[in-house]
Amino acid sequence: MKKRVLTVICILISSIVRPQSSSSKDILFRCDDIGMCHAVNMAAKKVLDADFPVSMSVMVPCPWFSEAAEMLKQYKNVTVGIHLTLNSEWKQYRWGPVAGVSAVTSLVDSSGNFFPSRSKLFGNNPKMSEIEIELRAQIEKALNAGLKVEYLDYHMSAPMQTPETRAIVIKLAKEYKLMISRFLGEQDVEGWYFAKPEDKPDSILQSLSKTKYGVTNLLVFHVGMQSAEMDAMEDLNPFGPKEMSKHRQGELNGLLSPEFQNQIRNGTYRIINYSMLIKEKGLQNMKSPFSD
């Protein structure tokens, strides 16, 4: 009987004093494609104004990068990363290299724009030296814009396509003392990307409920405000969801819904951004999730 009582007491004590990481779910929200267009930037601003820790990845080659940079510098709750970009996927809305077409001719099509897909880019036999030139130029432009850049990630996964391109990203991260997204053990949580736009808020809530204790749960969003600008955008890749403008508005609605905001503040979750994760785990503990 005494042994059973002692066991119960030990369980109760351990439940009271267990550390934050085991008593709450660590959630890291990352919003991608910031700077892609004005409608995306305005959606990002709404997320920032909701005032919870968030990470935002900016696309340096895009036309609305400058607006994004000035906006991001105004907020304390955001960790800024670079969405390393080697693709330009929207019909009639294209962009090209920061380094200039003449410096990276193997990365562009006949119009001087990035290719719309990874397969077309790598089908053009891009030079690894030119990929490094372009990715370095994107980092430098972001830093010269006054952004406090703390991590790198990768648009459409193109910069992580091969062991050789991954080695370039790792090299640049070490040189600029930056983290690489998913290199500190984050685990992706998915489930809403292909949901109908009107169903995305519910899908996002369901995905949040499936997150795990003891790990950093990474939820990646693509927000936007439905507008004439975004309605006109058409993905050149057949695998992308149709009516992208509605999908991005749906993700924004899900992030900002009262139900979602109440849920992430109810004590079950610890919301962090990459600044916090880097401080807790350290850049020296980065480890590639790839098997190179």
C-alpha atoms as a PDB file:
ATOM      1  CA  MET A   1       0.000   0.000   0.000  1.00  0.00           C
ATOM      2  CA  LYS A   2       2.806   2.414   0.949  1.00  0.00           C
ATOM      3  CA  LYS A   3       4.591   1.610  -2.308  1.00  0.00           C
ATOM      4  CA  ARG A   4       1.462   2.418  -4.331  1.00  0.00           C
ATOM      5  CA  VAL A   5       0.989   5.730  -2.472  1.00  0.00           C
ATOM      6  CA  LEU A   6       4.607   6.683  -3.094  1.00  0.00           C
ATOM      7  CA  THR A   7       4.236   5.886  -6.767  1.00  0.00           C
ATOM      8  CA  VAL A   8       1.143   8.085  -7.068  1.00  0.00           C
ATOM      9  CA  ILE A   9       2.914  10.930  -5.248  1.00  0.00           C
ATOM     10  CA  CYS A  10       5.930  10.668  -7.594  1.00  0.00           C
ATOM     11  CA  ILE A  11       3.676  10.801 -10.649  1.00  0.00           C
ATOM     12  CA  LEU A  12       1.889  13.873  -9.321  1.00  0.00           C
ATOM     13  CA  ILE A  13       5.149  15.657  -8.537  1.00  0.00           C
ATOM     14  CA  SER A  14       6.628  14.861 -11.937  1.00  0.00           C
ATOM     15  CA  SER A  15       3.524  16.200 -13.685  1.00  0.00           C
ATOM     16  CA  ILE A  16       3.842  19.479 -11.793  1.00  0.00           C
ATOM     17  CA  VAL A  17       7.551  20.116 -12.353  1.00  0.00           C
ATOM     18  CA  ARG A  18       8.043  18.660 -15.841  1.00  0.00           C
ATOM     19  CA  PRO A  19       9.735  21.115 -18.215  1.00  0.00           C
ATOM     20  CA  GLN A  20       7.917  23.363 -20.681  1.00  0.00           C
ATOM     21  CA  SER A  21       8.946  21.276 -23.676  1.00  0.00           C
ATOM     22  CA  SER A  22       7.130  18.206 -22.379  1.00  0.00           C
ATOM     23  CA  SER A  23       4.089  19.929 -20.877  1.00  0.00           C
ATOM     24  CA  SER A  24       3.202  21.931 -23.980  1.00  0.00           C
ATOM     25  CA  LYS A  25       3.448  21.390 -27.695  1.00  0.00           C
ATOM     26  CA  ASP A  26       6.092  23.511 -29.430  1.00  0.00           C
ATOM     27  CA  ILE A  27       4.616  25.073 -32.567  1.00  0.00           C
ATOM     28  CA  LEU A  28       6.612  26.999 -35.164  1.00  0.00           C
ATOM     29  CA  PHE A  29       4.616  28.881 -37.808  1.00  0.00           C
ATOM     30  CA  ARG A  30       6.458  29.744 -41.030  1.00  0.00           C
ATOM     31  CA  CYS A  31       4.866  31.898 -43.743  1.00  0.00           C
ATOM     32  CA  ASP A  32       6.490  31.563 -47.168  1.00  0.00           C
ATOM     33  CA  ASP A  33       6.609  33.699 -50.340  1.00  0.00           C
ATOM     34  CA  ILE A  34       6.679  37.070 -48.576  1.00  0.00           C
ATOM     35  CA  GLY A  35       7.533  39.730 -51.155  1.00  0.00           C
ATOM     36  CA  MET A  36       6.034  37.742 -54.018  1.00  0.00           C
ATOM     37  CA  CYS A  37       3.349  40.393 -54.577  1.00  0.00           C
ATOM     38  CA  HIS A  38       1.529  43.164 -52.740  1.00  0.00           C
ATOM     39  CA  ALA A  39      -1.433  40.959 -51.797  1.00  0.00           C
ATOM     40  CA  VAL A  40       0.891  38.473 -50.082  1.00  0.00           C
ATOM     41  CA  ASN A  41       2.630  41.281 -48.203  1.00  0.00           C
ATOM     42  CA  MET A  42      -0.675  42.683 -46.955  1.00  0.00           C
ATOM     43  CA  ALA A  43      -1.725  39.224 -45.769  1.00  0.00           C
ATOM     44  CA  ALA A  44       1.620  38.864 -43.983  1.00  0.00           C
ATOM     45  CA  LYS A  45       0.994  42.191 -42.252  1.00  0.00           C
ATOM     46  CA  LYS A  46      -2.315  40.912 -40.904  1.00  0.00           C
ATOM     47  CA  VAL A  47      -0.527  37.861 -39.476  1.00  0.00           C
ATOM     48  CA  LEU A  48       2.154  40.054 -37.917  1.00  0.00           C
ATOM     49  CA  ASP A  49      -0.480  42.324 -36.389  1.00  0.00           C
ATOM     50  CA  ALA A  50      -2.047  39.292 -34.675  1.00  0.00           C
ATOM     51  CA  ASP A  51       1.048  39.509 -32.447  1.00  0.00           C
ATOM     52  CA  PHE A  52       2.260  35.945 -31.962  1.00  0.00           C
ATOM     53  CA  PRO A  53       5.763  34.621 -32.684  1.00  0.00           C
ATOM     54  CA  VAL A  54       6.114  33.782 -36.367  1.00  0.00           C
ATOM     55  CA  SER A  55       8.801  33.214 -38.985  1.00  0.00           C
ATOM     56  CA  MET A  56       8.510  34.690 -42.462  1.00  0.00           C
ATOM     57  CA  SER A  57      10.533  33.741 -45.523  1.00  0.00           C
ATOM     58  CA  VAL A  58      11.070  36.497 -48.062  1.00  0.00           C
ATOM     59  CA  MET A  59      11.556  35.990 -51.815  1.00  0.00           C
ATOM     60  CA  VAL A  60      14.369  38.376 -52.715  1.00  0.00           C
ATOM     61  CA  PRO A  61      14.103  38.248 -56.556  1.00  0.00           C
ATOM     62  CA  CYS A  62      10.405  39.185 -56.590  1.00  0.00           C
ATOM     63  CA  PRO A  63       9.052  42.633 -57.562  1.00  0.00           C
ATOM     64  CA  TRP A  64       7.549  43.353 -54.135  1.00  0.00           C
ATOM     65  CA  PHE A  65      10.629  42.449 -52.084  1.00  0.00           C
ATOM     66  CA  SER A  66      11.383  46.067 -51.123  1.00  0.00           C
ATOM     67  CA  GLU A  67       7.922  46.559 -49.646  1.00  0.00           C
ATOM     68  CA  ALA A  68       8.269  43.296 -47.731  1.00  0.00           C
ATOM     69  CA  ALA A  69      11.662  44.280 -46.336  1.00  0.00           C
ATOM     70  CA  GLU A  70      10.436  47.626 -45.038  1.00  0.00           C
ATOM     71  CA  MET A  71       7.385  45.983 -43.488  1.00  0.00           C
ATOM     72  CA  LEU A  72       9.257  43.172 -41.758  1.00  0.00           C
ATOM     73  CA  LYS A  73      11.681  45.597 -40.121  1.00  0.00           C
ATOM     74  CA  GLN A  74       8.781  47.147 -38.200  1.00  0.00           C
ATOM     75  CA  TYR A  75       7.885  44.030 -36.182  1.00  0.00           C
ATOM     76  CA  LYS A  76       9.507  42.419 -33.139  1.00  0.00           C
ATOM     77  CA  ASN A  77       7.561  39.131 -33.208  1.00  0.00           C
ATOM     78  CA  VAL A  78       8.984  37.897 -36.529  1.00  0.00           C
ATOM     79  CA  THR A  79      12.106  35.980 -37.463  1.00  0.00           C
ATOM     80  CA  VAL A  80      13.107  36.751 -41.044  1.00  0.00           C
ATOM     81  CA  GLY A  81      14.454  34.109 -43.382  1.00  0.00           C
ATOM     82  CA  ILE A  82      15.333  33.997 -47.066  1.00  0.00           C
ATOM     83  CA  HIS A  83      13.158  31.837 -49.285  1.00  0.00           C
ATOM     84  CA  LEU A  84      16.015  30.906 -51.634  1.00  0.00           C
ATOM     85  CA  THR A  85      14.468  31.095 -55.089  1.00  0.00           C
ATOM     86  CA  LEU A  86      15.443  29.405 -58.352  1.00  0.00           C
ATOM     87  CA  ASN A  87      11.967  29.123 -59.907  1.00  0.00           C
ATOM     88  CA  SER A  88       9.346  31.530 -61.233  1.00  0.00           C
ATOM     89  CA  GLU A  89       6.092  29.639 -61.569  1.00  0.00           C
ATOM     90  CA  TRP A  90       3.328  32.144 -62.398  1.00  0.00           C
ATOM     91  CA  LYS A  91       2.097  32.734 -65.931  1.00  0.00           C
ATOM     92  CA  GLN A  92       2.400  36.403 -66.961  1.00  0.00           C
ATOM     93  CA  TYR A  93       4.103  37.237 -63.652  1.00  0.00           C
ATOM     94  CA  ARG A  94       7.734  36.231 -63.836  1.00  0.00           C
ATOM     95  CA  TRP A  95      11.013  37.136 -62.189  1.00  0.00           C
ATOM     96  CA  GLY A  96      14.659  36.467 -62.794  1.00  0.00           C
ATOM     97  CA  PRO A  97      17.996  36.359 -61.004  1.00  0.00           C
ATOM     98  CA  VAL A  98      19.242  38.964 -58.555  1.00  0.00           C
ATOM     99  CA  ALA A  99      22.786  38.421 -59.866  1.00  0.00           C
ATOM    100  CA  GLY A 100      21.746  39.407 -63.398  1.00  0.00           C
ATOM    101  CA  VAL A 101      21.033  37.216 -66.393  1.00  0.00           C
ATOM    102  CA  SER A 102      24.545  37.431 -67.833  1.00  0.00           C
ATOM    103  CA  ALA A 103      26.058  36.086 -64.598  1.00  0.00           C
ATOM    104  CA  VAL A 104      23.857  32.983 -64.387  1.00  0.00           C
ATOM    105  CA  THR A 105      22.812  32.090 -67.942  1.00  0.00           C
ATOM    106  CA  SER A 106      22.252  28.398 -67.128  1.00  0.00           C
ATOM    107  CA  LEU A 107      19.511  29.280 -64.604  1.00  0.00           C
ATOM    108  CA  VAL A 108      17.204  31.197 -66.948  1.00  0.00           C
ATOM    109  CA  ASP A 109      14.977  30.648 -69.971  1.00  0.00           C
ATOM    110  CA  SER A 110      15.124  32.542 -73.268  1.00  0.00           C
ATOM    111  CA  SER A 111      13.343  35.519 -71.676  1.00  0.00           C
ATOM    112  CA  GLY A 112      15.821  35.799 -68.819  1.00  0.00           C
ATOM    113  CA  ASN A 113      13.393  34.471 -66.211  1.00  0.00           C
ATOM    114  CA  PHE A 114      13.794  31.528 -63.876  1.00  0.00           C
ATOM    115  CA  PHE A 115      12.221  28.303 -65.094  1.00  0.00           C
ATOM    116  CA  PRO A 116       8.728  27.532 -63.723  1.00  0.00           C
ATOM    117  CA  SER A 117       9.594  24.077 -62.366  1.00  0.00           C
ATOM    118  CA  ARG A 118      12.469  22.159 -60.859  1.00  0.00           C
ATOM    119  CA  SER A 119      12.414  19.653 -63.713  1.00  0.00           C
ATOM    120  CA  LYS A 120      12.878  22.386 -66.323  1.00  0.00           C
ATOM    121  CA  LEU A 121      15.612  24.060 -64.307  1.00  0.00           C
ATOM    122  CA  PHE A 122      17.628  20.896 -63.812  1.00  0.00           C
ATOM    123  CA  GLY A 123      16.810  19.755 -67.332  1.00  0.00           C
ATOM    124  CA  ASN A 124      18.795  22.798 -68.457  1.00  0.00           C
ATOM    125  CA  ASN A 125      21.920  21.451 -66.681  1.00  0.00           C
ATOM    126  CA  PRO A 126      22.472  24.450 -64.408  1.00  0.00           C
ATOM    127  CA  LYS A 127      26.033  25.171 -63.378  1.00  0.00           C
ATOM    128  CA  MET A 128      26.635  24.717 -59.663  1.00  0.00           C
ATOM    129  CA  SER A 129      28.898  27.763 -59.660  1.00  0.00           C
ATOM    130  CA  GLU A 130      26.037  29.878 -60.995  1.00  0.00           C
ATOM    131  CA  ILE A 131      23.593  28.533 -58.407  1.00  0.00           C
ATOM    132  CA  GLU A 132      26.030  29.617 -55.711  1.00  0.00           C
ATOM    133  CA  ILE A 133      26.434  33.044 -57.332  1.00  0.00           C
ATOM    134  CA  GLU A 134      22.670  33.580 -57.397  1.00  0.00           C
ATOM    135  CA  LEU A 135      21.906  32.310 -53.898  1.00  0.00           C
ATOM    136  CA  ARG A 136      24.733  34.415 -52.483  1.00  0.00           C
ATOM    137  CA  ALA A 137      23.365  37.465 -54.326  1.00  0.00           C
ATOM    138  CA  GLN A 138      19.948  36.910 -52.752  1.00  0.00           C
ATOM    139  CA  ILE A 139      21.446  36.748 -49.255  1.00  0.00           C
ATOM    140  CA  GLU A 140      23.523  39.868 -49.852  1.00  0.00           C
ATOM    141  CA  LYS A 141      20.555  41.836 -51.202  1.00  0.00           C
ATOM    142  CA  ALA A 142      18.464  40.962 -48.159  1.00  0.00           C
ATOM    143  CA  LEU A 143      21.257  41.980 -45.790  1.00  0.00           C
ATOM    144  CA  ASN A 144      21.876  45.209 -47.710  1.00  0.00           C
ATOM    145  CA  ALA A 145      18.163  45.997 -47.350  1.00  0.00           C
ATOM    146  CA  GLY A 146      18.693  46.067 -43.588  1.00  0.00           C
ATOM    147  CA  LEU A 147      16.944  42.810 -42.780  1.00  0.00           C
ATOM    148  CA  LYS A 148      18.090  40.781 -39.795  1.00  0.00           C
ATOM    149  CA  VAL A 149      18.218  37.428 -41.572  1.00  0.00           C
ATOM    150  CA  GLU A 150      18.441  34.354 -39.328  1.00  0.00           C
ATOM    151  CA  TYR A 151      17.594  31.360 -41.483  1.00  0.00           C
ATOM    152  CA  LEU A 152      17.394  29.970 -45.010  1.00  0.00           C
ATOM    153  CA  ASP A 153      14.724  27.859 -46.620  1.00  0.00           C
ATOM    154  CA  TYR A 154      13.957  26.924 -50.187  1.00  0.00           C
ATOM    155  CA  HIS A 155      11.226  27.823 -52.676  1.00  0.00           C
ATOM    156  CA  MET A 156       9.719  24.735 -54.327  1.00  0.00           C
ATOM    157  CA  SER A 157      12.677  22.805 -52.810  1.00  0.00           C
ATOM    158  CA  ALA A 158      14.819  23.610 -55.873  1.00  0.00           C
ATOM    159  CA  PRO A 159      17.933  24.658 -53.897  1.00  0.00           C
ATOM    160  CA  MET A 160      17.806  21.271 -52.122  1.00  0.00           C
ATOM    161  CA  GLN A 161      17.246  19.203 -55.266  1.00  0.00           C
ATOM    162  CA  THR A 162      20.607  17.402 -55.337  1.00  0.00           C
ATOM    163  CA  PRO A 163      23.500  16.685 -52.966  1.00  0.00           C
ATOM    164  CA  GLU A 164      25.515  19.309 -54.863  1.00  0.00           C
ATOM    165  CA  THR A 165      22.912  22.052 -54.436  1.00  0.00           C
ATOM    166  CA  ARG A 166      22.393  21.112 -50.791  1.00  0.00           C
ATOM    167  CA  ALA A 167      26.136  21.455 -50.237  1.00  0.00           C
ATOM    168  CA  ILE A 168      25.946  25.003 -51.601  1.00  0.00           C
ATOM    169  CA  VAL A 169      23.129  25.952 -49.216  1.00  0.00           C
ATOM    170  CA  ILE A 170      24.977  24.430 -46.261  1.00  0.00           C
ATOM    171  CA  LYS A 171      28.156  26.271 -47.257  1.00  0.00           C
ATOM    172  CA  LEU A 172      26.343  29.614 -47.447  1.00  0.00           C
ATOM    173  CA  ALA A 173      24.552  29.002 -44.144  1.00  0.00           C
ATOM    174  CA  LYS A 174      27.871  28.409 -42.400  1.00  0.00           C
ATOM    175  CA  GLU A 175      29.481  31.414 -44.054  1.00  0.00           C
ATOM    176  CA  TYR A 176      26.680  33.801 -43.083  1.00  0.00           C
ATOM    177  CA  LYS A 177      25.985  32.091 -39.735  1.00  0.00           C
ATOM    178  CA  LEU A 178      22.402  31.218 -40.621  1.00  0.00           C
ATOM    179  CA  MET A 179      20.154  28.312 -39.753  1.00  0.00           C
ATOM    180  CA  ILE A 180      18.571  26.148 -42.450  1.00  0.00           C
ATOM    181  CA  SER A 181      14.905  25.319 -41.992  1.00  0.00           C
ATOM    182  CA  ARG A 182      14.349  21.700 -40.856  1.00  0.00           C
ATOM    183  CA  PHE A 183      18.016  21.339 -39.787  1.00  0.00           C
ATOM    184  CA  LEU A 184      17.193  21.618 -36.055  1.00  0.00           C
ATOM    185  CA  GLY A 185      14.841  18.667 -35.998  1.00  0.00           C
ATOM    186  CA  GLU A 186      11.556  20.365 -36.878  1.00  0.00           C
ATOM    187  CA  GLN A 187       8.807  17.967 -37.939  1.00  0.00           C
ATOM    188  CA  ASP A 188       6.408  19.057 -40.671  1.00  0.00           C
ATOM    189  CA  VAL A 189       2.690  19.128 -39.929  1.00  0.00           C
ATOM    190  CA  GLU A 190       0.509  19.124 -43.046  1.00  0.00           C
ATOM    191  CA  GLY A 191      -3.089  18.544 -44.036  1.00  0.00           C
ATOM    192  CA  TRP A 192      -4.626  21.774 -45.371  1.00  0.00           C
ATOM    193  CA  TYR A 193      -2.729  22.695 -48.555  1.00  0.00           C
ATOM    194  CA  PHE A 194      -5.114  20.892 -50.923  1.00  0.00           C
ATOM    195  CA  ALA A 195      -8.249  21.402 -48.837  1.00  0.00           C
ATOM    196  CA  LYS A 196     -10.999  23.498 -50.402  1.00  0.00           C
ATOM    197  CA  PRO A 197     -10.470  27.197 -49.629  1.00  0.00           C
ATOM    198  CA  GLU A 198     -13.620  27.342 -47.493  1.00  0.00           C
ATOM    199  CA  ASP A 199     -12.512  24.230 -45.580  1.00  0.00           C
ATOM    200  CA  LYS A 200      -8.995  25.408 -44.789  1.00  0.00           C
ATOM    201  CA  PRO A 201      -9.771  26.925 -41.344  1.00  0.00           C
ATOM    202  CA  ASP A 202     -11.188  23.609 -40.142  1.00  0.00           C
ATOM    203  CA  SER A 203      -8.347  21.650 -41.757  1.00  0.00           C
ATOM    204  CA  ILE A 204      -5.771  23.859 -40.057  1.00  0.00           C
ATOM    205  CA  LEU A 205      -7.449  23.373 -36.667  1.00  0.00           C
ATOM    206  CA  GLN A 206      -7.496  19.605 -37.191  1.00  0.00           C
ATOM    207  CA  SER A 207      -3.815  19.614 -38.119  1.00  0.00           C
ATOM    208  CA  LEU A 208      -2.972  21.642 -35.022  1.00  0.00           C
ATOM    209  CA  SER A 209      -4.709  19.052 -32.855  1.00  0.00           C
ATOM    210  CA  LYS A 210      -2.494  16.332 -34.358  1.00  0.00           C
ATOM    211  CA  THR A 211       0.778  17.986 -33.339  1.00  0.00           C
ATOM    212  CA  LYS A 212       3.101  16.144 -30.972  1.00  0.00           C
ATOM    213  CA  TYR A 213       4.723  16.725 -27.615  1.00  0.00           C
ATOM    214  CA  GLY A 214       8.494  16.720 -27.328  1.00  0.00           C
ATOM    215  CA  VAL A 215       9.259  17.966 -30.864  1.00  0.00           C
ATOM    216  CA  THR A 216       9.196  21.236 -32.765  1.00  0.00           C
ATOM    217  CA  ASN A 217       6.075  21.064 -34.924  1.00  0.00           C
ATOM    218  CA  LEU A 218       6.569  23.057 -38.145  1.00  0.00           C
ATOM    219  CA  LEU A 219       3.460  24.423 -39.873  1.00  0.00           C
ATOM    220  CA  VAL A 220       4.163  26.137 -43.208  1.00  0.00           C
ATOM    221  CA  PHE A 221       1.619  28.567 -44.638  1.00  0.00           C
ATOM    222  CA  HIS A 222       1.153  30.428 -47.913  1.00  0.00           C
ATOM    223  CA  VAL A 223      -1.069  33.385 -47.108  1.00  0.00           C
ATOM    224  CA  GLY A 224      -2.512  35.994 -49.425  1.00  0.00           C
ATOM    225  CA  MET A 225      -5.452  38.339 -49.836  1.00  0.00           C
ATOM    226  CA  GLN A 226      -7.848  37.485 -52.610  1.00  0.00           C
ATOM    227  CA  SER A 227      -7.765  40.351 -55.081  1.00  0.00           C
ATOM    228  CA  ALA A 228      -7.809  41.079 -58.792  1.00  0.00           C
ATOM    229  CA  GLU A 229      -4.020  40.884 -58.715  1.00  0.00           C
ATOM    230  CA  MET A 230      -3.930  37.384 -57.249  1.00  0.00           C
ATOM    231  CA  ASP A 231      -7.000  36.168 -59.140  1.00  0.00           C
ATOM    232  CA  ALA A 232      -5.074  36.780 -62.367  1.00  0.00           C
ATOM    233  CA  MET A 233      -2.173  34.519 -61.356  1.00  0.00           C
ATOM    234  CA  GLU A 234      -2.063  31.092 -62.934  1.00  0.00           C
ATOM    235  CA  ASP A 235       0.387  28.401 -61.860  1.00  0.00           C
ATOM    236  CA  LEU A 236       2.383  27.059 -64.793  1.00  0.00           C
ATOM    237  CA  ASN A 237       2.819  23.776 -62.916  1.00  0.00           C
ATOM    238  CA  PRO A 238      -0.145  21.377 -63.188  1.00  0.00           C
ATOM    239  CA  PHE A 239       0.337  20.043 -59.654  1.00  0.00           C
ATOM    240  CA  GLY A 240      -0.530  23.363 -57.981  1.00  0.00           C
ATOM    241  CA  PRO A 241      -4.073  23.904 -56.642  1.00  0.00           C
ATOM    242  CA  LYS A 242      -6.366  25.915 -58.895  1.00  0.00           C
ATOM    243  CA  GLU A 243      -7.748  29.299 -57.829  1.00  0.00           C
ATOM    244  CA  MET A 244      -4.600  30.012 -55.854  1.00  0.00           C
ATOM    245  CA  SER A 245      -5.948  33.383 -54.733  1.00  0.00           C
ATOM    246  CA  LYS A 246      -8.824  31.721 -52.864  1.00  0.00           C
ATOM    247  CA  HIS A 247      -6.524  29.102 -51.348  1.00  0.00           C
ATOM    248  CA  ARG A 248      -4.169  31.709 -49.923  1.00  0.00           C
ATOM    249  CA  GLN A 249      -7.053  33.734 -48.544  1.00  0.00           C
ATOM    250  CA  GLY A 250      -8.349  30.523 -46.956  1.00  0.00           C
ATOM    251  CA  GLU A 251      -5.033  29.941 -45.188  1.00  0.00           C
ATOM    252  CA  LEU A 252      -5.027  33.526 -43.949  1.00  0.00           C
ATOM    253  CA  ASN A 253      -8.593  33.125 -42.692  1.00  0.00           C
ATOM    254  CA  GLY A 254      -7.574  29.963 -40.874  1.00  0.00           C
ATOM    255  CA  LEU A 255      -4.587  31.561 -39.155  1.00  0.00           C
ATOM    256  CA  LEU A 256      -6.572  34.583 -38.030  1.00  0.00           C
ATOM    257  CA  SER A 257      -9.840  32.882 -37.091  1.00  0.00           C
ATOM    258  CA  PRO A 258     -10.938  33.438 -33.465  1.00  0.00           C
ATOM    259  CA  GLU A 259     -11.085  29.661 -32.961  1.00  0.00           C
ATOM    260  CA  PHE A 260      -7.488  29.216 -34.078  1.00  0.00           C
ATOM    261  CA  GLN A 261      -6.186  32.208 -32.129  1.00  0.00           C
ATOM    262  CA  ASN A 262      -7.944  31.006 -28.967  1.00  0.00           C
ATOM    263  CA  GLN A 263      -6.569  27.524 -29.472  1.00  0.00           C
ATOM    264  CA  ILE A 264      -2.907  28.557 -29.741  1.00  0.00           C
ATOM    265  CA  ARG A 265      -3.233  30.705 -26.612  1.00  0.00           C
ATOM    266  CA  ASN A 266      -4.996  28.181 -24.367  1.00  0.00           C
ATOM    267  CA  GLY A 267      -1.829  26.862 -22.696  1.00  0.00           C
ATOM    268  CA  THR A 268      -1.594  23.623 -24.672  1.00  0.00           C
ATOM    269  CA  TYR A 269       0.885  25.140 -27.108  1.00  0.00           C
ATOM    270  CA  ARG A 270       4.121  27.079 -26.910  1.00  0.00           C
ATOM    271  CA  ILE A 271       4.395  29.245 -30.010  1.00  0.00           C
ATOM    272  CA  ILE A 272       7.984  29.902 -31.074  1.00  0.00           C
ATOM    273  CA  ASN A 273       9.818  31.365 -34.042  1.00  0.00           C
ATOM    274  CA  TYR A 274      13.234  30.535 -35.461  1.00  0.00           C
ATOM    275  CA  SER A 275      14.998  33.125 -33.293  1.00  0.00           C
ATOM    276  CA  MET A 276      13.784  31.272 -30.216  1.00  0.00           C
ATOM    277  CA  LEU A 277      14.621  27.846 -31.644  1.00  0.00           C
ATOM    278  CA  ILE A 278      18.148  28.921 -32.571  1.00  0.00           C
ATOM    279  CA  LYS A 279      18.755  30.318 -29.072  1.00  0.00           C
ATOM    280  CA  GLU A 280      17.527  27.100 -27.466  1.00  0.00           C
ATOM    281  CA  LYS A 281      19.278  24.579 -29.716  1.00  0.00           C
ATOM    282  CA  GLY A 282      22.213  26.465 -31.258  1.00  0.00           C
ATOM    283  CA  LEU A 283      23.470  26.625 -34.821  1.00  0.00           C
ATOM    284  CA  GLN A 284      26.227  24.164 -33.928  1.00  0.00           C
ATOM    285  CA  ASN A 285      23.588  21.460 -33.542  1.00  0.00           C
ATOM    286  CA  MET A 286      22.216  21.736 -37.057  1.00  0.00           C
ATOM    287  CA  LYS A 287      21.957  18.408 -38.807  1.00  0.00           C
ATOM    288  CA  SER A 288      20.848  17.760 -42.357  1.00  0.00           C
ATOM    289  CA  PRO A 289      17.626  15.729 -42.633  1.00  0.00           C
ATOM    290  CA  PHE A 290      18.943  14.381 -45.943  1.00  0.00           C
ATOM    291  CA  SER A 291      20.993  11.201 -46.200  1.00  0.00           C
ATOM    292  CA  ASP A 292      23.911  12.671 -48.184  1.00  0.00           C
END
